Amino acid sequence: MAGRILLYGEGKDLDAACASLDAGALEPVAVHGAGDLASRAREGGFSVAVILPGPITEHDRRIAAVTALRREGFRGRLLFAGAFLTEKEQALAAGADFVFDPRTRPVDAVVSKALHRPGVAADHPYLRYLLLDEWASLAPYSTLLPTRAPAILLASLSCHRDLAFWDTLAGFAAANPATRCFVVEDDDDPEISAAVMSCGVQPYVSLADRGLLHLHSLVRHALHEIWLGEMLAG
């Protein structure tokens, strides 16, 4: 997978990480100080940032680096290399997406996994726009459901007035239990609503009752759970 990788660290750990990632479509960029880190983060275009291991005397600075990246609005995956429980807890509290032990999981392998974006199929353009800044691979579909099951599928009532679609969706959900299907009620047609409710696909989100922000929160949480599950499986 392609991506620019921001690496924060010092000495041999930084050199080794750069060497392991300097292959194929990956572009590692090494930074040393907090000022350099903030400057690079403002450039944008980085898929993953890795806070590399360091001596105990550098612990507070490494945690501060996580905070600084989030403060700068870093939108990629933020990985923290740490072997101790206190490091993990503080890094996650500061905004890290994932903490790993570099003694058992090589940096390049963790980065490679982190670059994967869960697939999301959404029928309506406004749903895809809603998730534009999320860590996801977005794809449209229309009346035909995707041939390859995505991690998440969003189906809106306004795009599917043919009642037969909802029976088809129920079969799709049963055949692909790993796919999380969200039904979005954005139409007040009672006949369609009845058909959707009877198909049994959940969750069912009424925009009139809960709003787009609630839907966004649900899908965002599901995306992070899926991504995190893949990271832990490694």
C-alpha atoms as a PDB file:
ATOM      1  CA  MET A   1       0.000   0.000   0.000  1.00  0.00           C
ATOM      2  CA  ALA A   2       1.123   3.557  -0.728  1.00  0.00           C
ATOM      3  CA  GLY A   3       1.549   6.280   1.861  1.00  0.00           C
ATOM      4  CA  ARG A   4       3.738   8.940   3.414  1.00  0.00           C
ATOM      5  CA  ILE A   5       4.864   7.866   6.871  1.00  0.00           C
ATOM      6  CA  LEU A   6       5.889  10.365   9.552  1.00  0.00           C
ATOM      7  CA  LEU A   7       8.505   8.912  11.928  1.00  0.00           C
ATOM      8  CA  TYR A   8       9.364  10.649  15.201  1.00  0.00           C
ATOM      9  CA  GLY A   9      12.381   9.407  17.103  1.00  0.00           C
ATOM     10  CA  GLU A  10      16.121   9.459  17.562  1.00  0.00           C
ATOM     11  CA  GLY A  11      19.268   7.458  16.803  1.00  0.00           C
ATOM     12  CA  LYS A  12      19.302   3.822  15.779  1.00  0.00           C
ATOM     13  CA  ASP A  13      15.548   3.287  16.203  1.00  0.00           C
ATOM     14  CA  LEU A  14      14.804   6.089  13.747  1.00  0.00           C
ATOM     15  CA  ASP A  15      17.424   4.909  11.264  1.00  0.00           C
ATOM     16  CA  ALA A  16      16.153   1.316  11.415  1.00  0.00           C
ATOM     17  CA  ALA A  17      12.521   2.359  10.953  1.00  0.00           C
ATOM     18  CA  CYS A  18      13.387   4.517   7.959  1.00  0.00           C
ATOM     19  CA  ALA A  19      15.370   1.688   6.386  1.00  0.00           C
ATOM     20  CA  SER A  20      12.576  -0.862   6.892  1.00  0.00           C
ATOM     21  CA  LEU A  21       9.941   1.432   5.362  1.00  0.00           C
ATOM     22  CA  ASP A  22      12.013   2.872   2.522  1.00  0.00           C
ATOM     23  CA  ALA A  23      10.689   0.435  -0.063  1.00  0.00           C
ATOM     24  CA  GLY A  24       7.995   0.291  -2.721  1.00  0.00           C
ATOM     25  CA  ALA A  25       5.346   2.995  -2.540  1.00  0.00           C
ATOM     26  CA  LEU A  26       6.050   3.975   1.081  1.00  0.00           C
ATOM     27  CA  GLU A  27       7.737   7.308   1.759  1.00  0.00           C
ATOM     28  CA  PRO A  28       9.129   7.573   5.307  1.00  0.00           C
ATOM     29  CA  VAL A  29       9.890  11.078   6.582  1.00  0.00           C
ATOM     30  CA  ALA A  30      12.060  11.323   9.706  1.00  0.00           C
ATOM     31  CA  VAL A  31      11.617  14.111  12.271  1.00  0.00           C
ATOM     32  CA  HIS A  32      13.639  14.713  15.428  1.00  0.00           C
ATOM     33  CA  GLY A  33      12.208  17.575  17.497  1.00  0.00           C
ATOM     34  CA  ALA A  34       8.732  18.713  18.497  1.00  0.00           C
ATOM     35  CA  GLY A  35       8.984  21.813  16.310  1.00  0.00           C
ATOM     36  CA  ASP A  36       9.883  19.751  13.253  1.00  0.00           C
ATOM     37  CA  LEU A  37       7.047  17.345  14.023  1.00  0.00           C
ATOM     38  CA  ALA A  38       4.431  20.114  14.189  1.00  0.00           C
ATOM     39  CA  SER A  39       5.748  21.706  11.008  1.00  0.00           C
ATOM     40  CA  ARG A  40       5.625  18.442   9.099  1.00  0.00           C
ATOM     41  CA  ALA A  41       2.143  17.633  10.407  1.00  0.00           C
ATOM     42  CA  ARG A  42       0.857  20.959   9.078  1.00  0.00           C
ATOM     43  CA  GLU A  43       2.048  19.995   5.605  1.00  0.00           C
ATOM     44  CA  GLY A  44      -0.608  17.290   5.443  1.00  0.00           C
ATOM     45  CA  GLY A  45      -0.493  14.264   3.184  1.00  0.00           C
ATOM     46  CA  PHE A  46       0.751  11.792   5.780  1.00  0.00           C
ATOM     47  CA  SER A  47      -1.157   8.522   6.107  1.00  0.00           C
ATOM     48  CA  VAL A  48       0.502   7.275   9.302  1.00  0.00           C
ATOM     49  CA  ALA A  49       2.608   8.790  12.068  1.00  0.00           C
ATOM     50  CA  VAL A  50       4.762   6.605  14.312  1.00  0.00           C
ATOM     51  CA  ILE A  51       6.161   7.718  17.654  1.00  0.00           C
ATOM     52  CA  LEU A  52       9.183   5.445  17.943  1.00  0.00           C
ATOM     53  CA  PRO A  53      10.621   4.035  21.204  1.00  0.00           C
ATOM     54  CA  GLY A  54      13.023   6.064  23.282  1.00  0.00           C
ATOM     55  CA  PRO A  55      14.725   6.151  26.679  1.00  0.00           C
ATOM     56  CA  ILE A  56      12.630   6.705  29.779  1.00  0.00           C
ATOM     57  CA  THR A  57      13.945  10.270  29.941  1.00  0.00           C
ATOM     58  CA  GLU A  58      12.125  10.968  26.653  1.00  0.00           C
ATOM     59  CA  HIS A  59       8.781   9.550  27.791  1.00  0.00           C
ATOM     60  CA  ASP A  60       7.064  12.885  28.446  1.00  0.00           C
ATOM     61  CA  ARG A  61       8.262  14.295  25.123  1.00  0.00           C
ATOM     62  CA  ARG A  62       6.960  11.275  23.249  1.00  0.00           C
ATOM     63  CA  ILE A  63       3.535  11.606  24.887  1.00  0.00           C
ATOM     64  CA  ALA A  64       3.627  15.340  24.132  1.00  0.00           C
ATOM     65  CA  ALA A  65       4.336  14.464  20.494  1.00  0.00           C
ATOM     66  CA  VAL A  66       1.046  12.543  20.334  1.00  0.00           C
ATOM     67  CA  THR A  67      -0.816  15.501  21.830  1.00  0.00           C
ATOM     68  CA  ALA A  68       0.875  17.890  19.398  1.00  0.00           C
ATOM     69  CA  LEU A  69      -0.107  15.837  16.362  1.00  0.00           C
ATOM     70  CA  ARG A  70      -3.745  15.778  17.416  1.00  0.00           C
ATOM     71  CA  ARG A  71      -3.645  19.483  18.200  1.00  0.00           C
ATOM     72  CA  GLU A  72      -2.388  20.101  14.661  1.00  0.00           C
ATOM     73  CA  GLY A  73      -5.374  18.184  13.313  1.00  0.00           C
ATOM     74  CA  PHE A  74      -3.455  15.131  12.117  1.00  0.00           C
ATOM     75  CA  ARG A  75      -6.044  12.884  10.419  1.00  0.00           C
ATOM     76  CA  GLY A  76      -3.979   9.795   9.693  1.00  0.00           C
ATOM     77  CA  ARG A  77      -3.410   6.782  11.919  1.00  0.00           C
ATOM     78  CA  LEU A  78      -1.230   7.608  14.908  1.00  0.00           C
ATOM     79  CA  LEU A  79       0.875   4.694  16.196  1.00  0.00           C
ATOM     80  CA  PHE A  80       2.903   4.676  19.399  1.00  0.00           C
ATOM     81  CA  ALA A  81       5.705   2.198  20.086  1.00  0.00           C
ATOM     82  CA  GLY A  82       5.829   1.315  23.767  1.00  0.00           C
ATOM     83  CA  ALA A  83       6.460  -1.784  25.852  1.00  0.00           C
ATOM     84  CA  PHE A  84       4.972  -0.772  29.203  1.00  0.00           C
ATOM     85  CA  LEU A  85       1.362  -0.512  30.375  1.00  0.00           C
ATOM     86  CA  THR A  86       1.772   3.078  31.583  1.00  0.00           C
ATOM     87  CA  GLU A  87       3.081   4.083  28.150  1.00  0.00           C
ATOM     88  CA  LYS A  88       0.090   2.464  26.476  1.00  0.00           C
ATOM     89  CA  GLU A  89      -2.446   4.100  28.773  1.00  0.00           C
ATOM     90  CA  GLN A  90      -0.943   7.573  28.484  1.00  0.00           C
ATOM     91  CA  ALA A  91      -0.434   7.364  24.724  1.00  0.00           C
ATOM     92  CA  LEU A  92      -4.038   6.281  24.117  1.00  0.00           C
ATOM     93  CA  ALA A  93      -5.317   9.007  26.441  1.00  0.00           C
ATOM     94  CA  ALA A  94      -3.249  11.566  24.487  1.00  0.00           C
ATOM     95  CA  GLY A  95      -4.829  10.490  21.189  1.00  0.00           C
ATOM     96  CA  ALA A  96      -2.849   7.553  19.782  1.00  0.00           C
ATOM     97  CA  ASP A  97      -4.906   5.119  17.710  1.00  0.00           C
ATOM     98  CA  PHE A  98      -2.801   2.078  18.500  1.00  0.00           C
ATOM     99  CA  VAL A  99       0.083   1.149  20.788  1.00  0.00           C
ATOM    100  CA  PHE A 100       2.405  -1.752  19.983  1.00  0.00           C
ATOM    101  CA  ASP A 101       5.454  -3.387  21.496  1.00  0.00           C
ATOM    102  CA  PRO A 102       8.322  -2.951  19.005  1.00  0.00           C
ATOM    103  CA  ARG A 103      10.132  -5.900  20.570  1.00  0.00           C
ATOM    104  CA  THR A 104       7.491  -8.309  19.244  1.00  0.00           C
ATOM    105  CA  ARG A 105       5.979  -6.436  16.289  1.00  0.00           C
ATOM    106  CA  PRO A 106       8.273  -4.787  13.728  1.00  0.00           C
ATOM    107  CA  VAL A 107       7.473  -1.191  12.824  1.00  0.00           C
ATOM    108  CA  ASP A 108       7.135  -1.920   9.096  1.00  0.00           C
ATOM    109  CA  ALA A 109       4.623  -4.728   9.715  1.00  0.00           C
ATOM    110  CA  VAL A 110       2.483  -2.564  11.997  1.00  0.00           C
ATOM    111  CA  VAL A 111       2.557   0.352   9.559  1.00  0.00           C
ATOM    112  CA  SER A 112       1.585  -1.927   6.684  1.00  0.00           C
ATOM    113  CA  LYS A 113      -1.489  -3.091   8.627  1.00  0.00           C
ATOM    114  CA  ALA A 114      -2.365   0.420   9.752  1.00  0.00           C
ATOM    115  CA  LEU A 115      -2.518   1.663   6.163  1.00  0.00           C
ATOM    116  CA  HIS A 116      -5.509  -0.552   5.421  1.00  0.00           C
ATOM    117  CA  ARG A 117      -8.774   1.388   5.235  1.00  0.00           C
ATOM    118  CA  PRO A 118     -11.988  -0.579   5.875  1.00  0.00           C
ATOM    119  CA  GLY A 119     -14.288  -0.617   2.855  1.00  0.00           C
ATOM    120  CA  VAL A 120     -17.558   1.332   3.049  1.00  0.00           C
ATOM    121  CA  ALA A 121     -20.279   1.067   0.402  1.00  0.00           C
ATOM    122  CA  ALA A 122     -22.829   3.896   0.496  1.00  0.00           C
ATOM    123  CA  ASP A 123     -25.625   4.418  -1.994  1.00  0.00           C
ATOM    124  CA  HIS A 124     -26.387   8.125  -1.596  1.00  0.00           C
ATOM    125  CA  PRO A 125     -23.761  10.830  -2.336  1.00  0.00           C
ATOM    126  CA  TYR A 126     -24.506  12.692   0.919  1.00  0.00           C
ATOM    127  CA  LEU A 127     -23.598   9.571   2.907  1.00  0.00           C
ATOM    128  CA  ARG A 128     -20.258   9.287   1.146  1.00  0.00           C
ATOM    129  CA  TYR A 129     -19.634  12.998   1.687  1.00  0.00           C
ATOM    130  CA  LEU A 130     -20.418  12.559   5.387  1.00  0.00           C
ATOM    131  CA  LEU A 131     -17.556  10.039   5.671  1.00  0.00           C
ATOM    132  CA  LEU A 132     -15.110  11.784   3.361  1.00  0.00           C
ATOM    133  CA  ASP A 133     -12.574  12.534   6.109  1.00  0.00           C
ATOM    134  CA  GLU A 134     -12.849   9.159   7.842  1.00  0.00           C
ATOM    135  CA  TRP A 135     -10.281   6.350   7.676  1.00  0.00           C
ATOM    136  CA  ALA A 136     -12.241   4.380   5.089  1.00  0.00           C
ATOM    137  CA  SER A 137     -12.224   3.327   1.458  1.00  0.00           C
ATOM    138  CA  LEU A 138     -15.515   4.693   0.083  1.00  0.00           C
ATOM    139  CA  ALA A 139     -17.372   3.172  -2.851  1.00  0.00           C
ATOM    140  CA  PRO A 140     -20.781   3.876  -4.390  1.00  0.00           C
ATOM    141  CA  TYR A 141     -23.466   1.382  -5.359  1.00  0.00           C
ATOM    142  CA  SER A 142     -26.955   1.773  -6.774  1.00  0.00           C
ATOM    143  CA  THR A 143     -29.719  -0.812  -7.086  1.00  0.00           C
ATOM    144  CA  LEU A 144     -27.319  -3.756  -7.128  1.00  0.00           C
ATOM    145  CA  LEU A 145     -25.530  -4.578  -3.913  1.00  0.00           C
ATOM    146  CA  PRO A 146     -21.713  -4.893  -4.041  1.00  0.00           C
ATOM    147  CA  THR A 147     -20.410  -8.206  -5.353  1.00  0.00           C
ATOM    148  CA  ARG A 148     -17.621  -8.058  -2.778  1.00  0.00           C
ATOM    149  CA  ALA A 149     -18.939  -7.521   0.730  1.00  0.00           C
ATOM    150  CA  PRO A 150     -17.539  -4.345   2.327  1.00  0.00           C
ATOM    151  CA  ALA A 151     -16.818  -3.886   6.016  1.00  0.00           C
ATOM    152  CA  ILE A 152     -19.735  -1.431   6.251  1.00  0.00           C
ATOM    153  CA  LEU A 153     -22.740  -0.875   4.013  1.00  0.00           C
ATOM    154  CA  LEU A 154     -25.135   2.071   4.220  1.00  0.00           C
ATOM    155  CA  ALA A 155     -28.558   1.797   2.566  1.00  0.00           C
ATOM    156  CA  SER A 156     -30.884   4.806   2.418  1.00  0.00           C
ATOM    157  CA  LEU A 157     -34.641   4.600   1.935  1.00  0.00           C
ATOM    158  CA  SER A 158     -34.605   7.420  -0.607  1.00  0.00           C
ATOM    159  CA  CYS A 159     -32.398   5.402  -2.991  1.00  0.00           C
ATOM    160  CA  HIS A 160     -34.426   2.191  -2.871  1.00  0.00           C
ATOM    161  CA  ARG A 161     -38.141   2.570  -3.477  1.00  0.00           C
ATOM    162  CA  ASP A 162     -38.386  -0.921  -4.931  1.00  0.00           C
ATOM    163  CA  LEU A 163     -39.577  -2.958  -1.955  1.00  0.00           C
ATOM    164  CA  ALA A 164     -37.835  -6.072  -3.280  1.00  0.00           C
ATOM    165  CA  PHE A 165     -34.471  -4.427  -2.579  1.00  0.00           C
ATOM    166  CA  TRP A 166     -34.986  -4.722   1.157  1.00  0.00           C
ATOM    167  CA  ASP A 167     -35.554  -8.471   1.004  1.00  0.00           C
ATOM    168  CA  THR A 168     -32.390  -8.706  -1.072  1.00  0.00           C
ATOM    169  CA  LEU A 169     -30.530  -6.657   1.536  1.00  0.00           C
ATOM    170  CA  ALA A 170     -31.730  -9.007   4.279  1.00  0.00           C
ATOM    171  CA  GLY A 171     -30.314 -11.949   2.338  1.00  0.00           C
ATOM    172  CA  PHE A 172     -27.051 -10.062   1.751  1.00  0.00           C
ATOM    173  CA  ALA A 173     -26.712  -9.302   5.468  1.00  0.00           C
ATOM    174  CA  ALA A 174     -27.373 -12.947   6.389  1.00  0.00           C
ATOM    175  CA  ALA A 175     -24.815 -14.183   3.839  1.00  0.00           C
ATOM    176  CA  ASN A 176     -22.180 -11.671   4.987  1.00  0.00           C
ATOM    177  CA  PRO A 177     -22.378 -11.505   8.789  1.00  0.00           C
ATOM    178  CA  ALA A 178     -19.071  -9.628   9.044  1.00  0.00           C
ATOM    179  CA  THR A 179     -20.534  -6.686   7.099  1.00  0.00           C
ATOM    180  CA  ARG A 180     -22.141  -4.063   9.297  1.00  0.00           C
ATOM    181  CA  CYS A 181     -25.264  -2.815   7.550  1.00  0.00           C
ATOM    182  CA  PHE A 182     -26.775   0.553   8.462  1.00  0.00           C
ATOM    183  CA  VAL A 183     -30.271   1.418   7.229  1.00  0.00           C
ATOM    184  CA  VAL A 184     -30.812   5.168   6.930  1.00  0.00           C
ATOM    185  CA  GLU A 185     -34.384   6.469   7.050  1.00  0.00           C
ATOM    186  CA  ASP A 186     -34.253   9.668   5.011  1.00  0.00           C
ATOM    187  CA  ASP A 187     -37.744   9.317   3.463  1.00  0.00           C
ATOM    188  CA  ASP A 188     -41.124   9.389   5.190  1.00  0.00           C
ATOM    189  CA  ASP A 189     -42.886   6.931   2.859  1.00  0.00           C
ATOM    190  CA  PRO A 190     -44.728   4.609   5.287  1.00  0.00           C
ATOM    191  CA  GLU A 191     -44.840   1.694   2.810  1.00  0.00           C
ATOM    192  CA  ILE A 192     -41.080   1.693   2.354  1.00  0.00           C
ATOM    193  CA  SER A 193     -40.513   2.143   6.083  1.00  0.00           C
ATOM    194  CA  ALA A 194     -42.716  -0.871   6.825  1.00  0.00           C
ATOM    195  CA  ALA A 195     -40.817  -3.005   4.303  1.00  0.00           C
ATOM    196  CA  VAL A 196     -37.489  -1.943   5.781  1.00  0.00           C
ATOM    197  CA  MET A 197     -38.547  -2.639   9.337  1.00  0.00           C
ATOM    198  CA  SER A 198     -39.839  -6.086   8.373  1.00  0.00           C
ATOM    199  CA  CYS A 199     -36.555  -7.059   6.672  1.00  0.00           C
ATOM    200  CA  GLY A 200     -34.861  -6.961  10.071  1.00  0.00           C
ATOM    201  CA  VAL A 201     -31.582  -5.298   9.076  1.00  0.00           C
ATOM    202  CA  GLN A 202     -30.177  -3.235  11.945  1.00  0.00           C
ATOM    203  CA  PRO A 203     -29.206  -0.637  13.009  1.00  0.00           C
ATOM    204  CA  TYR A 204     -32.050   1.455  11.624  1.00  0.00           C
ATOM    205  CA  VAL A 205     -31.296   5.175  11.942  1.00  0.00           C
ATOM    206  CA  SER A 206     -34.027   7.756  11.444  1.00  0.00           C
ATOM    207  CA  LEU A 207     -32.435  11.050  10.398  1.00  0.00           C
ATOM    208  CA  ALA A 208     -35.578  12.941  11.430  1.00  0.00           C
ATOM    209  CA  ASP A 209     -35.251  11.588  14.976  1.00  0.00           C
ATOM    210  CA  ARG A 210     -31.478  11.262  15.481  1.00  0.00           C
ATOM    211  CA  GLY A 211     -29.818  13.410  12.801  1.00  0.00           C
ATOM    212  CA  LEU A 212     -26.726  13.041  10.638  1.00  0.00           C
ATOM    213  CA  LEU A 213     -24.301  13.617  13.499  1.00  0.00           C
ATOM    214  CA  HIS A 214     -25.650  10.563  15.306  1.00  0.00           C
ATOM    215  CA  LEU A 215     -25.288   8.453  12.163  1.00  0.00           C
ATOM    216  CA  HIS A 216     -21.767   9.780  11.639  1.00  0.00           C
ATOM    217  CA  SER A 217     -20.844   8.883  15.217  1.00  0.00           C
ATOM    218  CA  LEU A 218     -22.177   5.328  14.855  1.00  0.00           C
ATOM    219  CA  VAL A 219     -20.342   4.670  11.593  1.00  0.00           C
ATOM    220  CA  ARG A 220     -17.145   6.313  12.802  1.00  0.00           C
ATOM    221  CA  HIS A 221     -17.142   4.137  15.915  1.00  0.00           C
ATOM    222  CA  ALA A 222     -17.755   1.020  13.805  1.00  0.00           C
ATOM    223  CA  LEU A 223     -14.901   1.950  11.454  1.00  0.00           C
ATOM    224  CA  HIS A 224     -12.487   2.331  14.354  1.00  0.00           C
ATOM    225  CA  GLU A 225     -13.592  -0.991  15.874  1.00  0.00           C
ATOM    226  CA  ILE A 226     -13.049  -2.780  12.560  1.00  0.00           C
ATOM    227  CA  TRP A 227      -9.641  -1.176  11.985  1.00  0.00           C
ATOM    228  CA  LEU A 228      -8.566  -1.869  15.561  1.00  0.00           C
ATOM    229  CA  GLY A 229      -9.702  -5.488  15.291  1.00  0.00           C
ATOM    230  CA  GLU A 230      -7.499  -5.939  12.233  1.00  0.00           C
ATOM    231  CA  MET A 231      -4.547  -4.360  14.050  1.00  0.00           C
ATOM    232  CA  LEU A 232      -4.976  -6.607  17.086  1.00  0.00           C
ATOM    233  CA  ALA A 233      -5.297  -9.690  14.885  1.00  0.00           C
ATOM    234  CA  GLY A 234      -1.728  -9.121  13.749  1.00  0.00           C
END
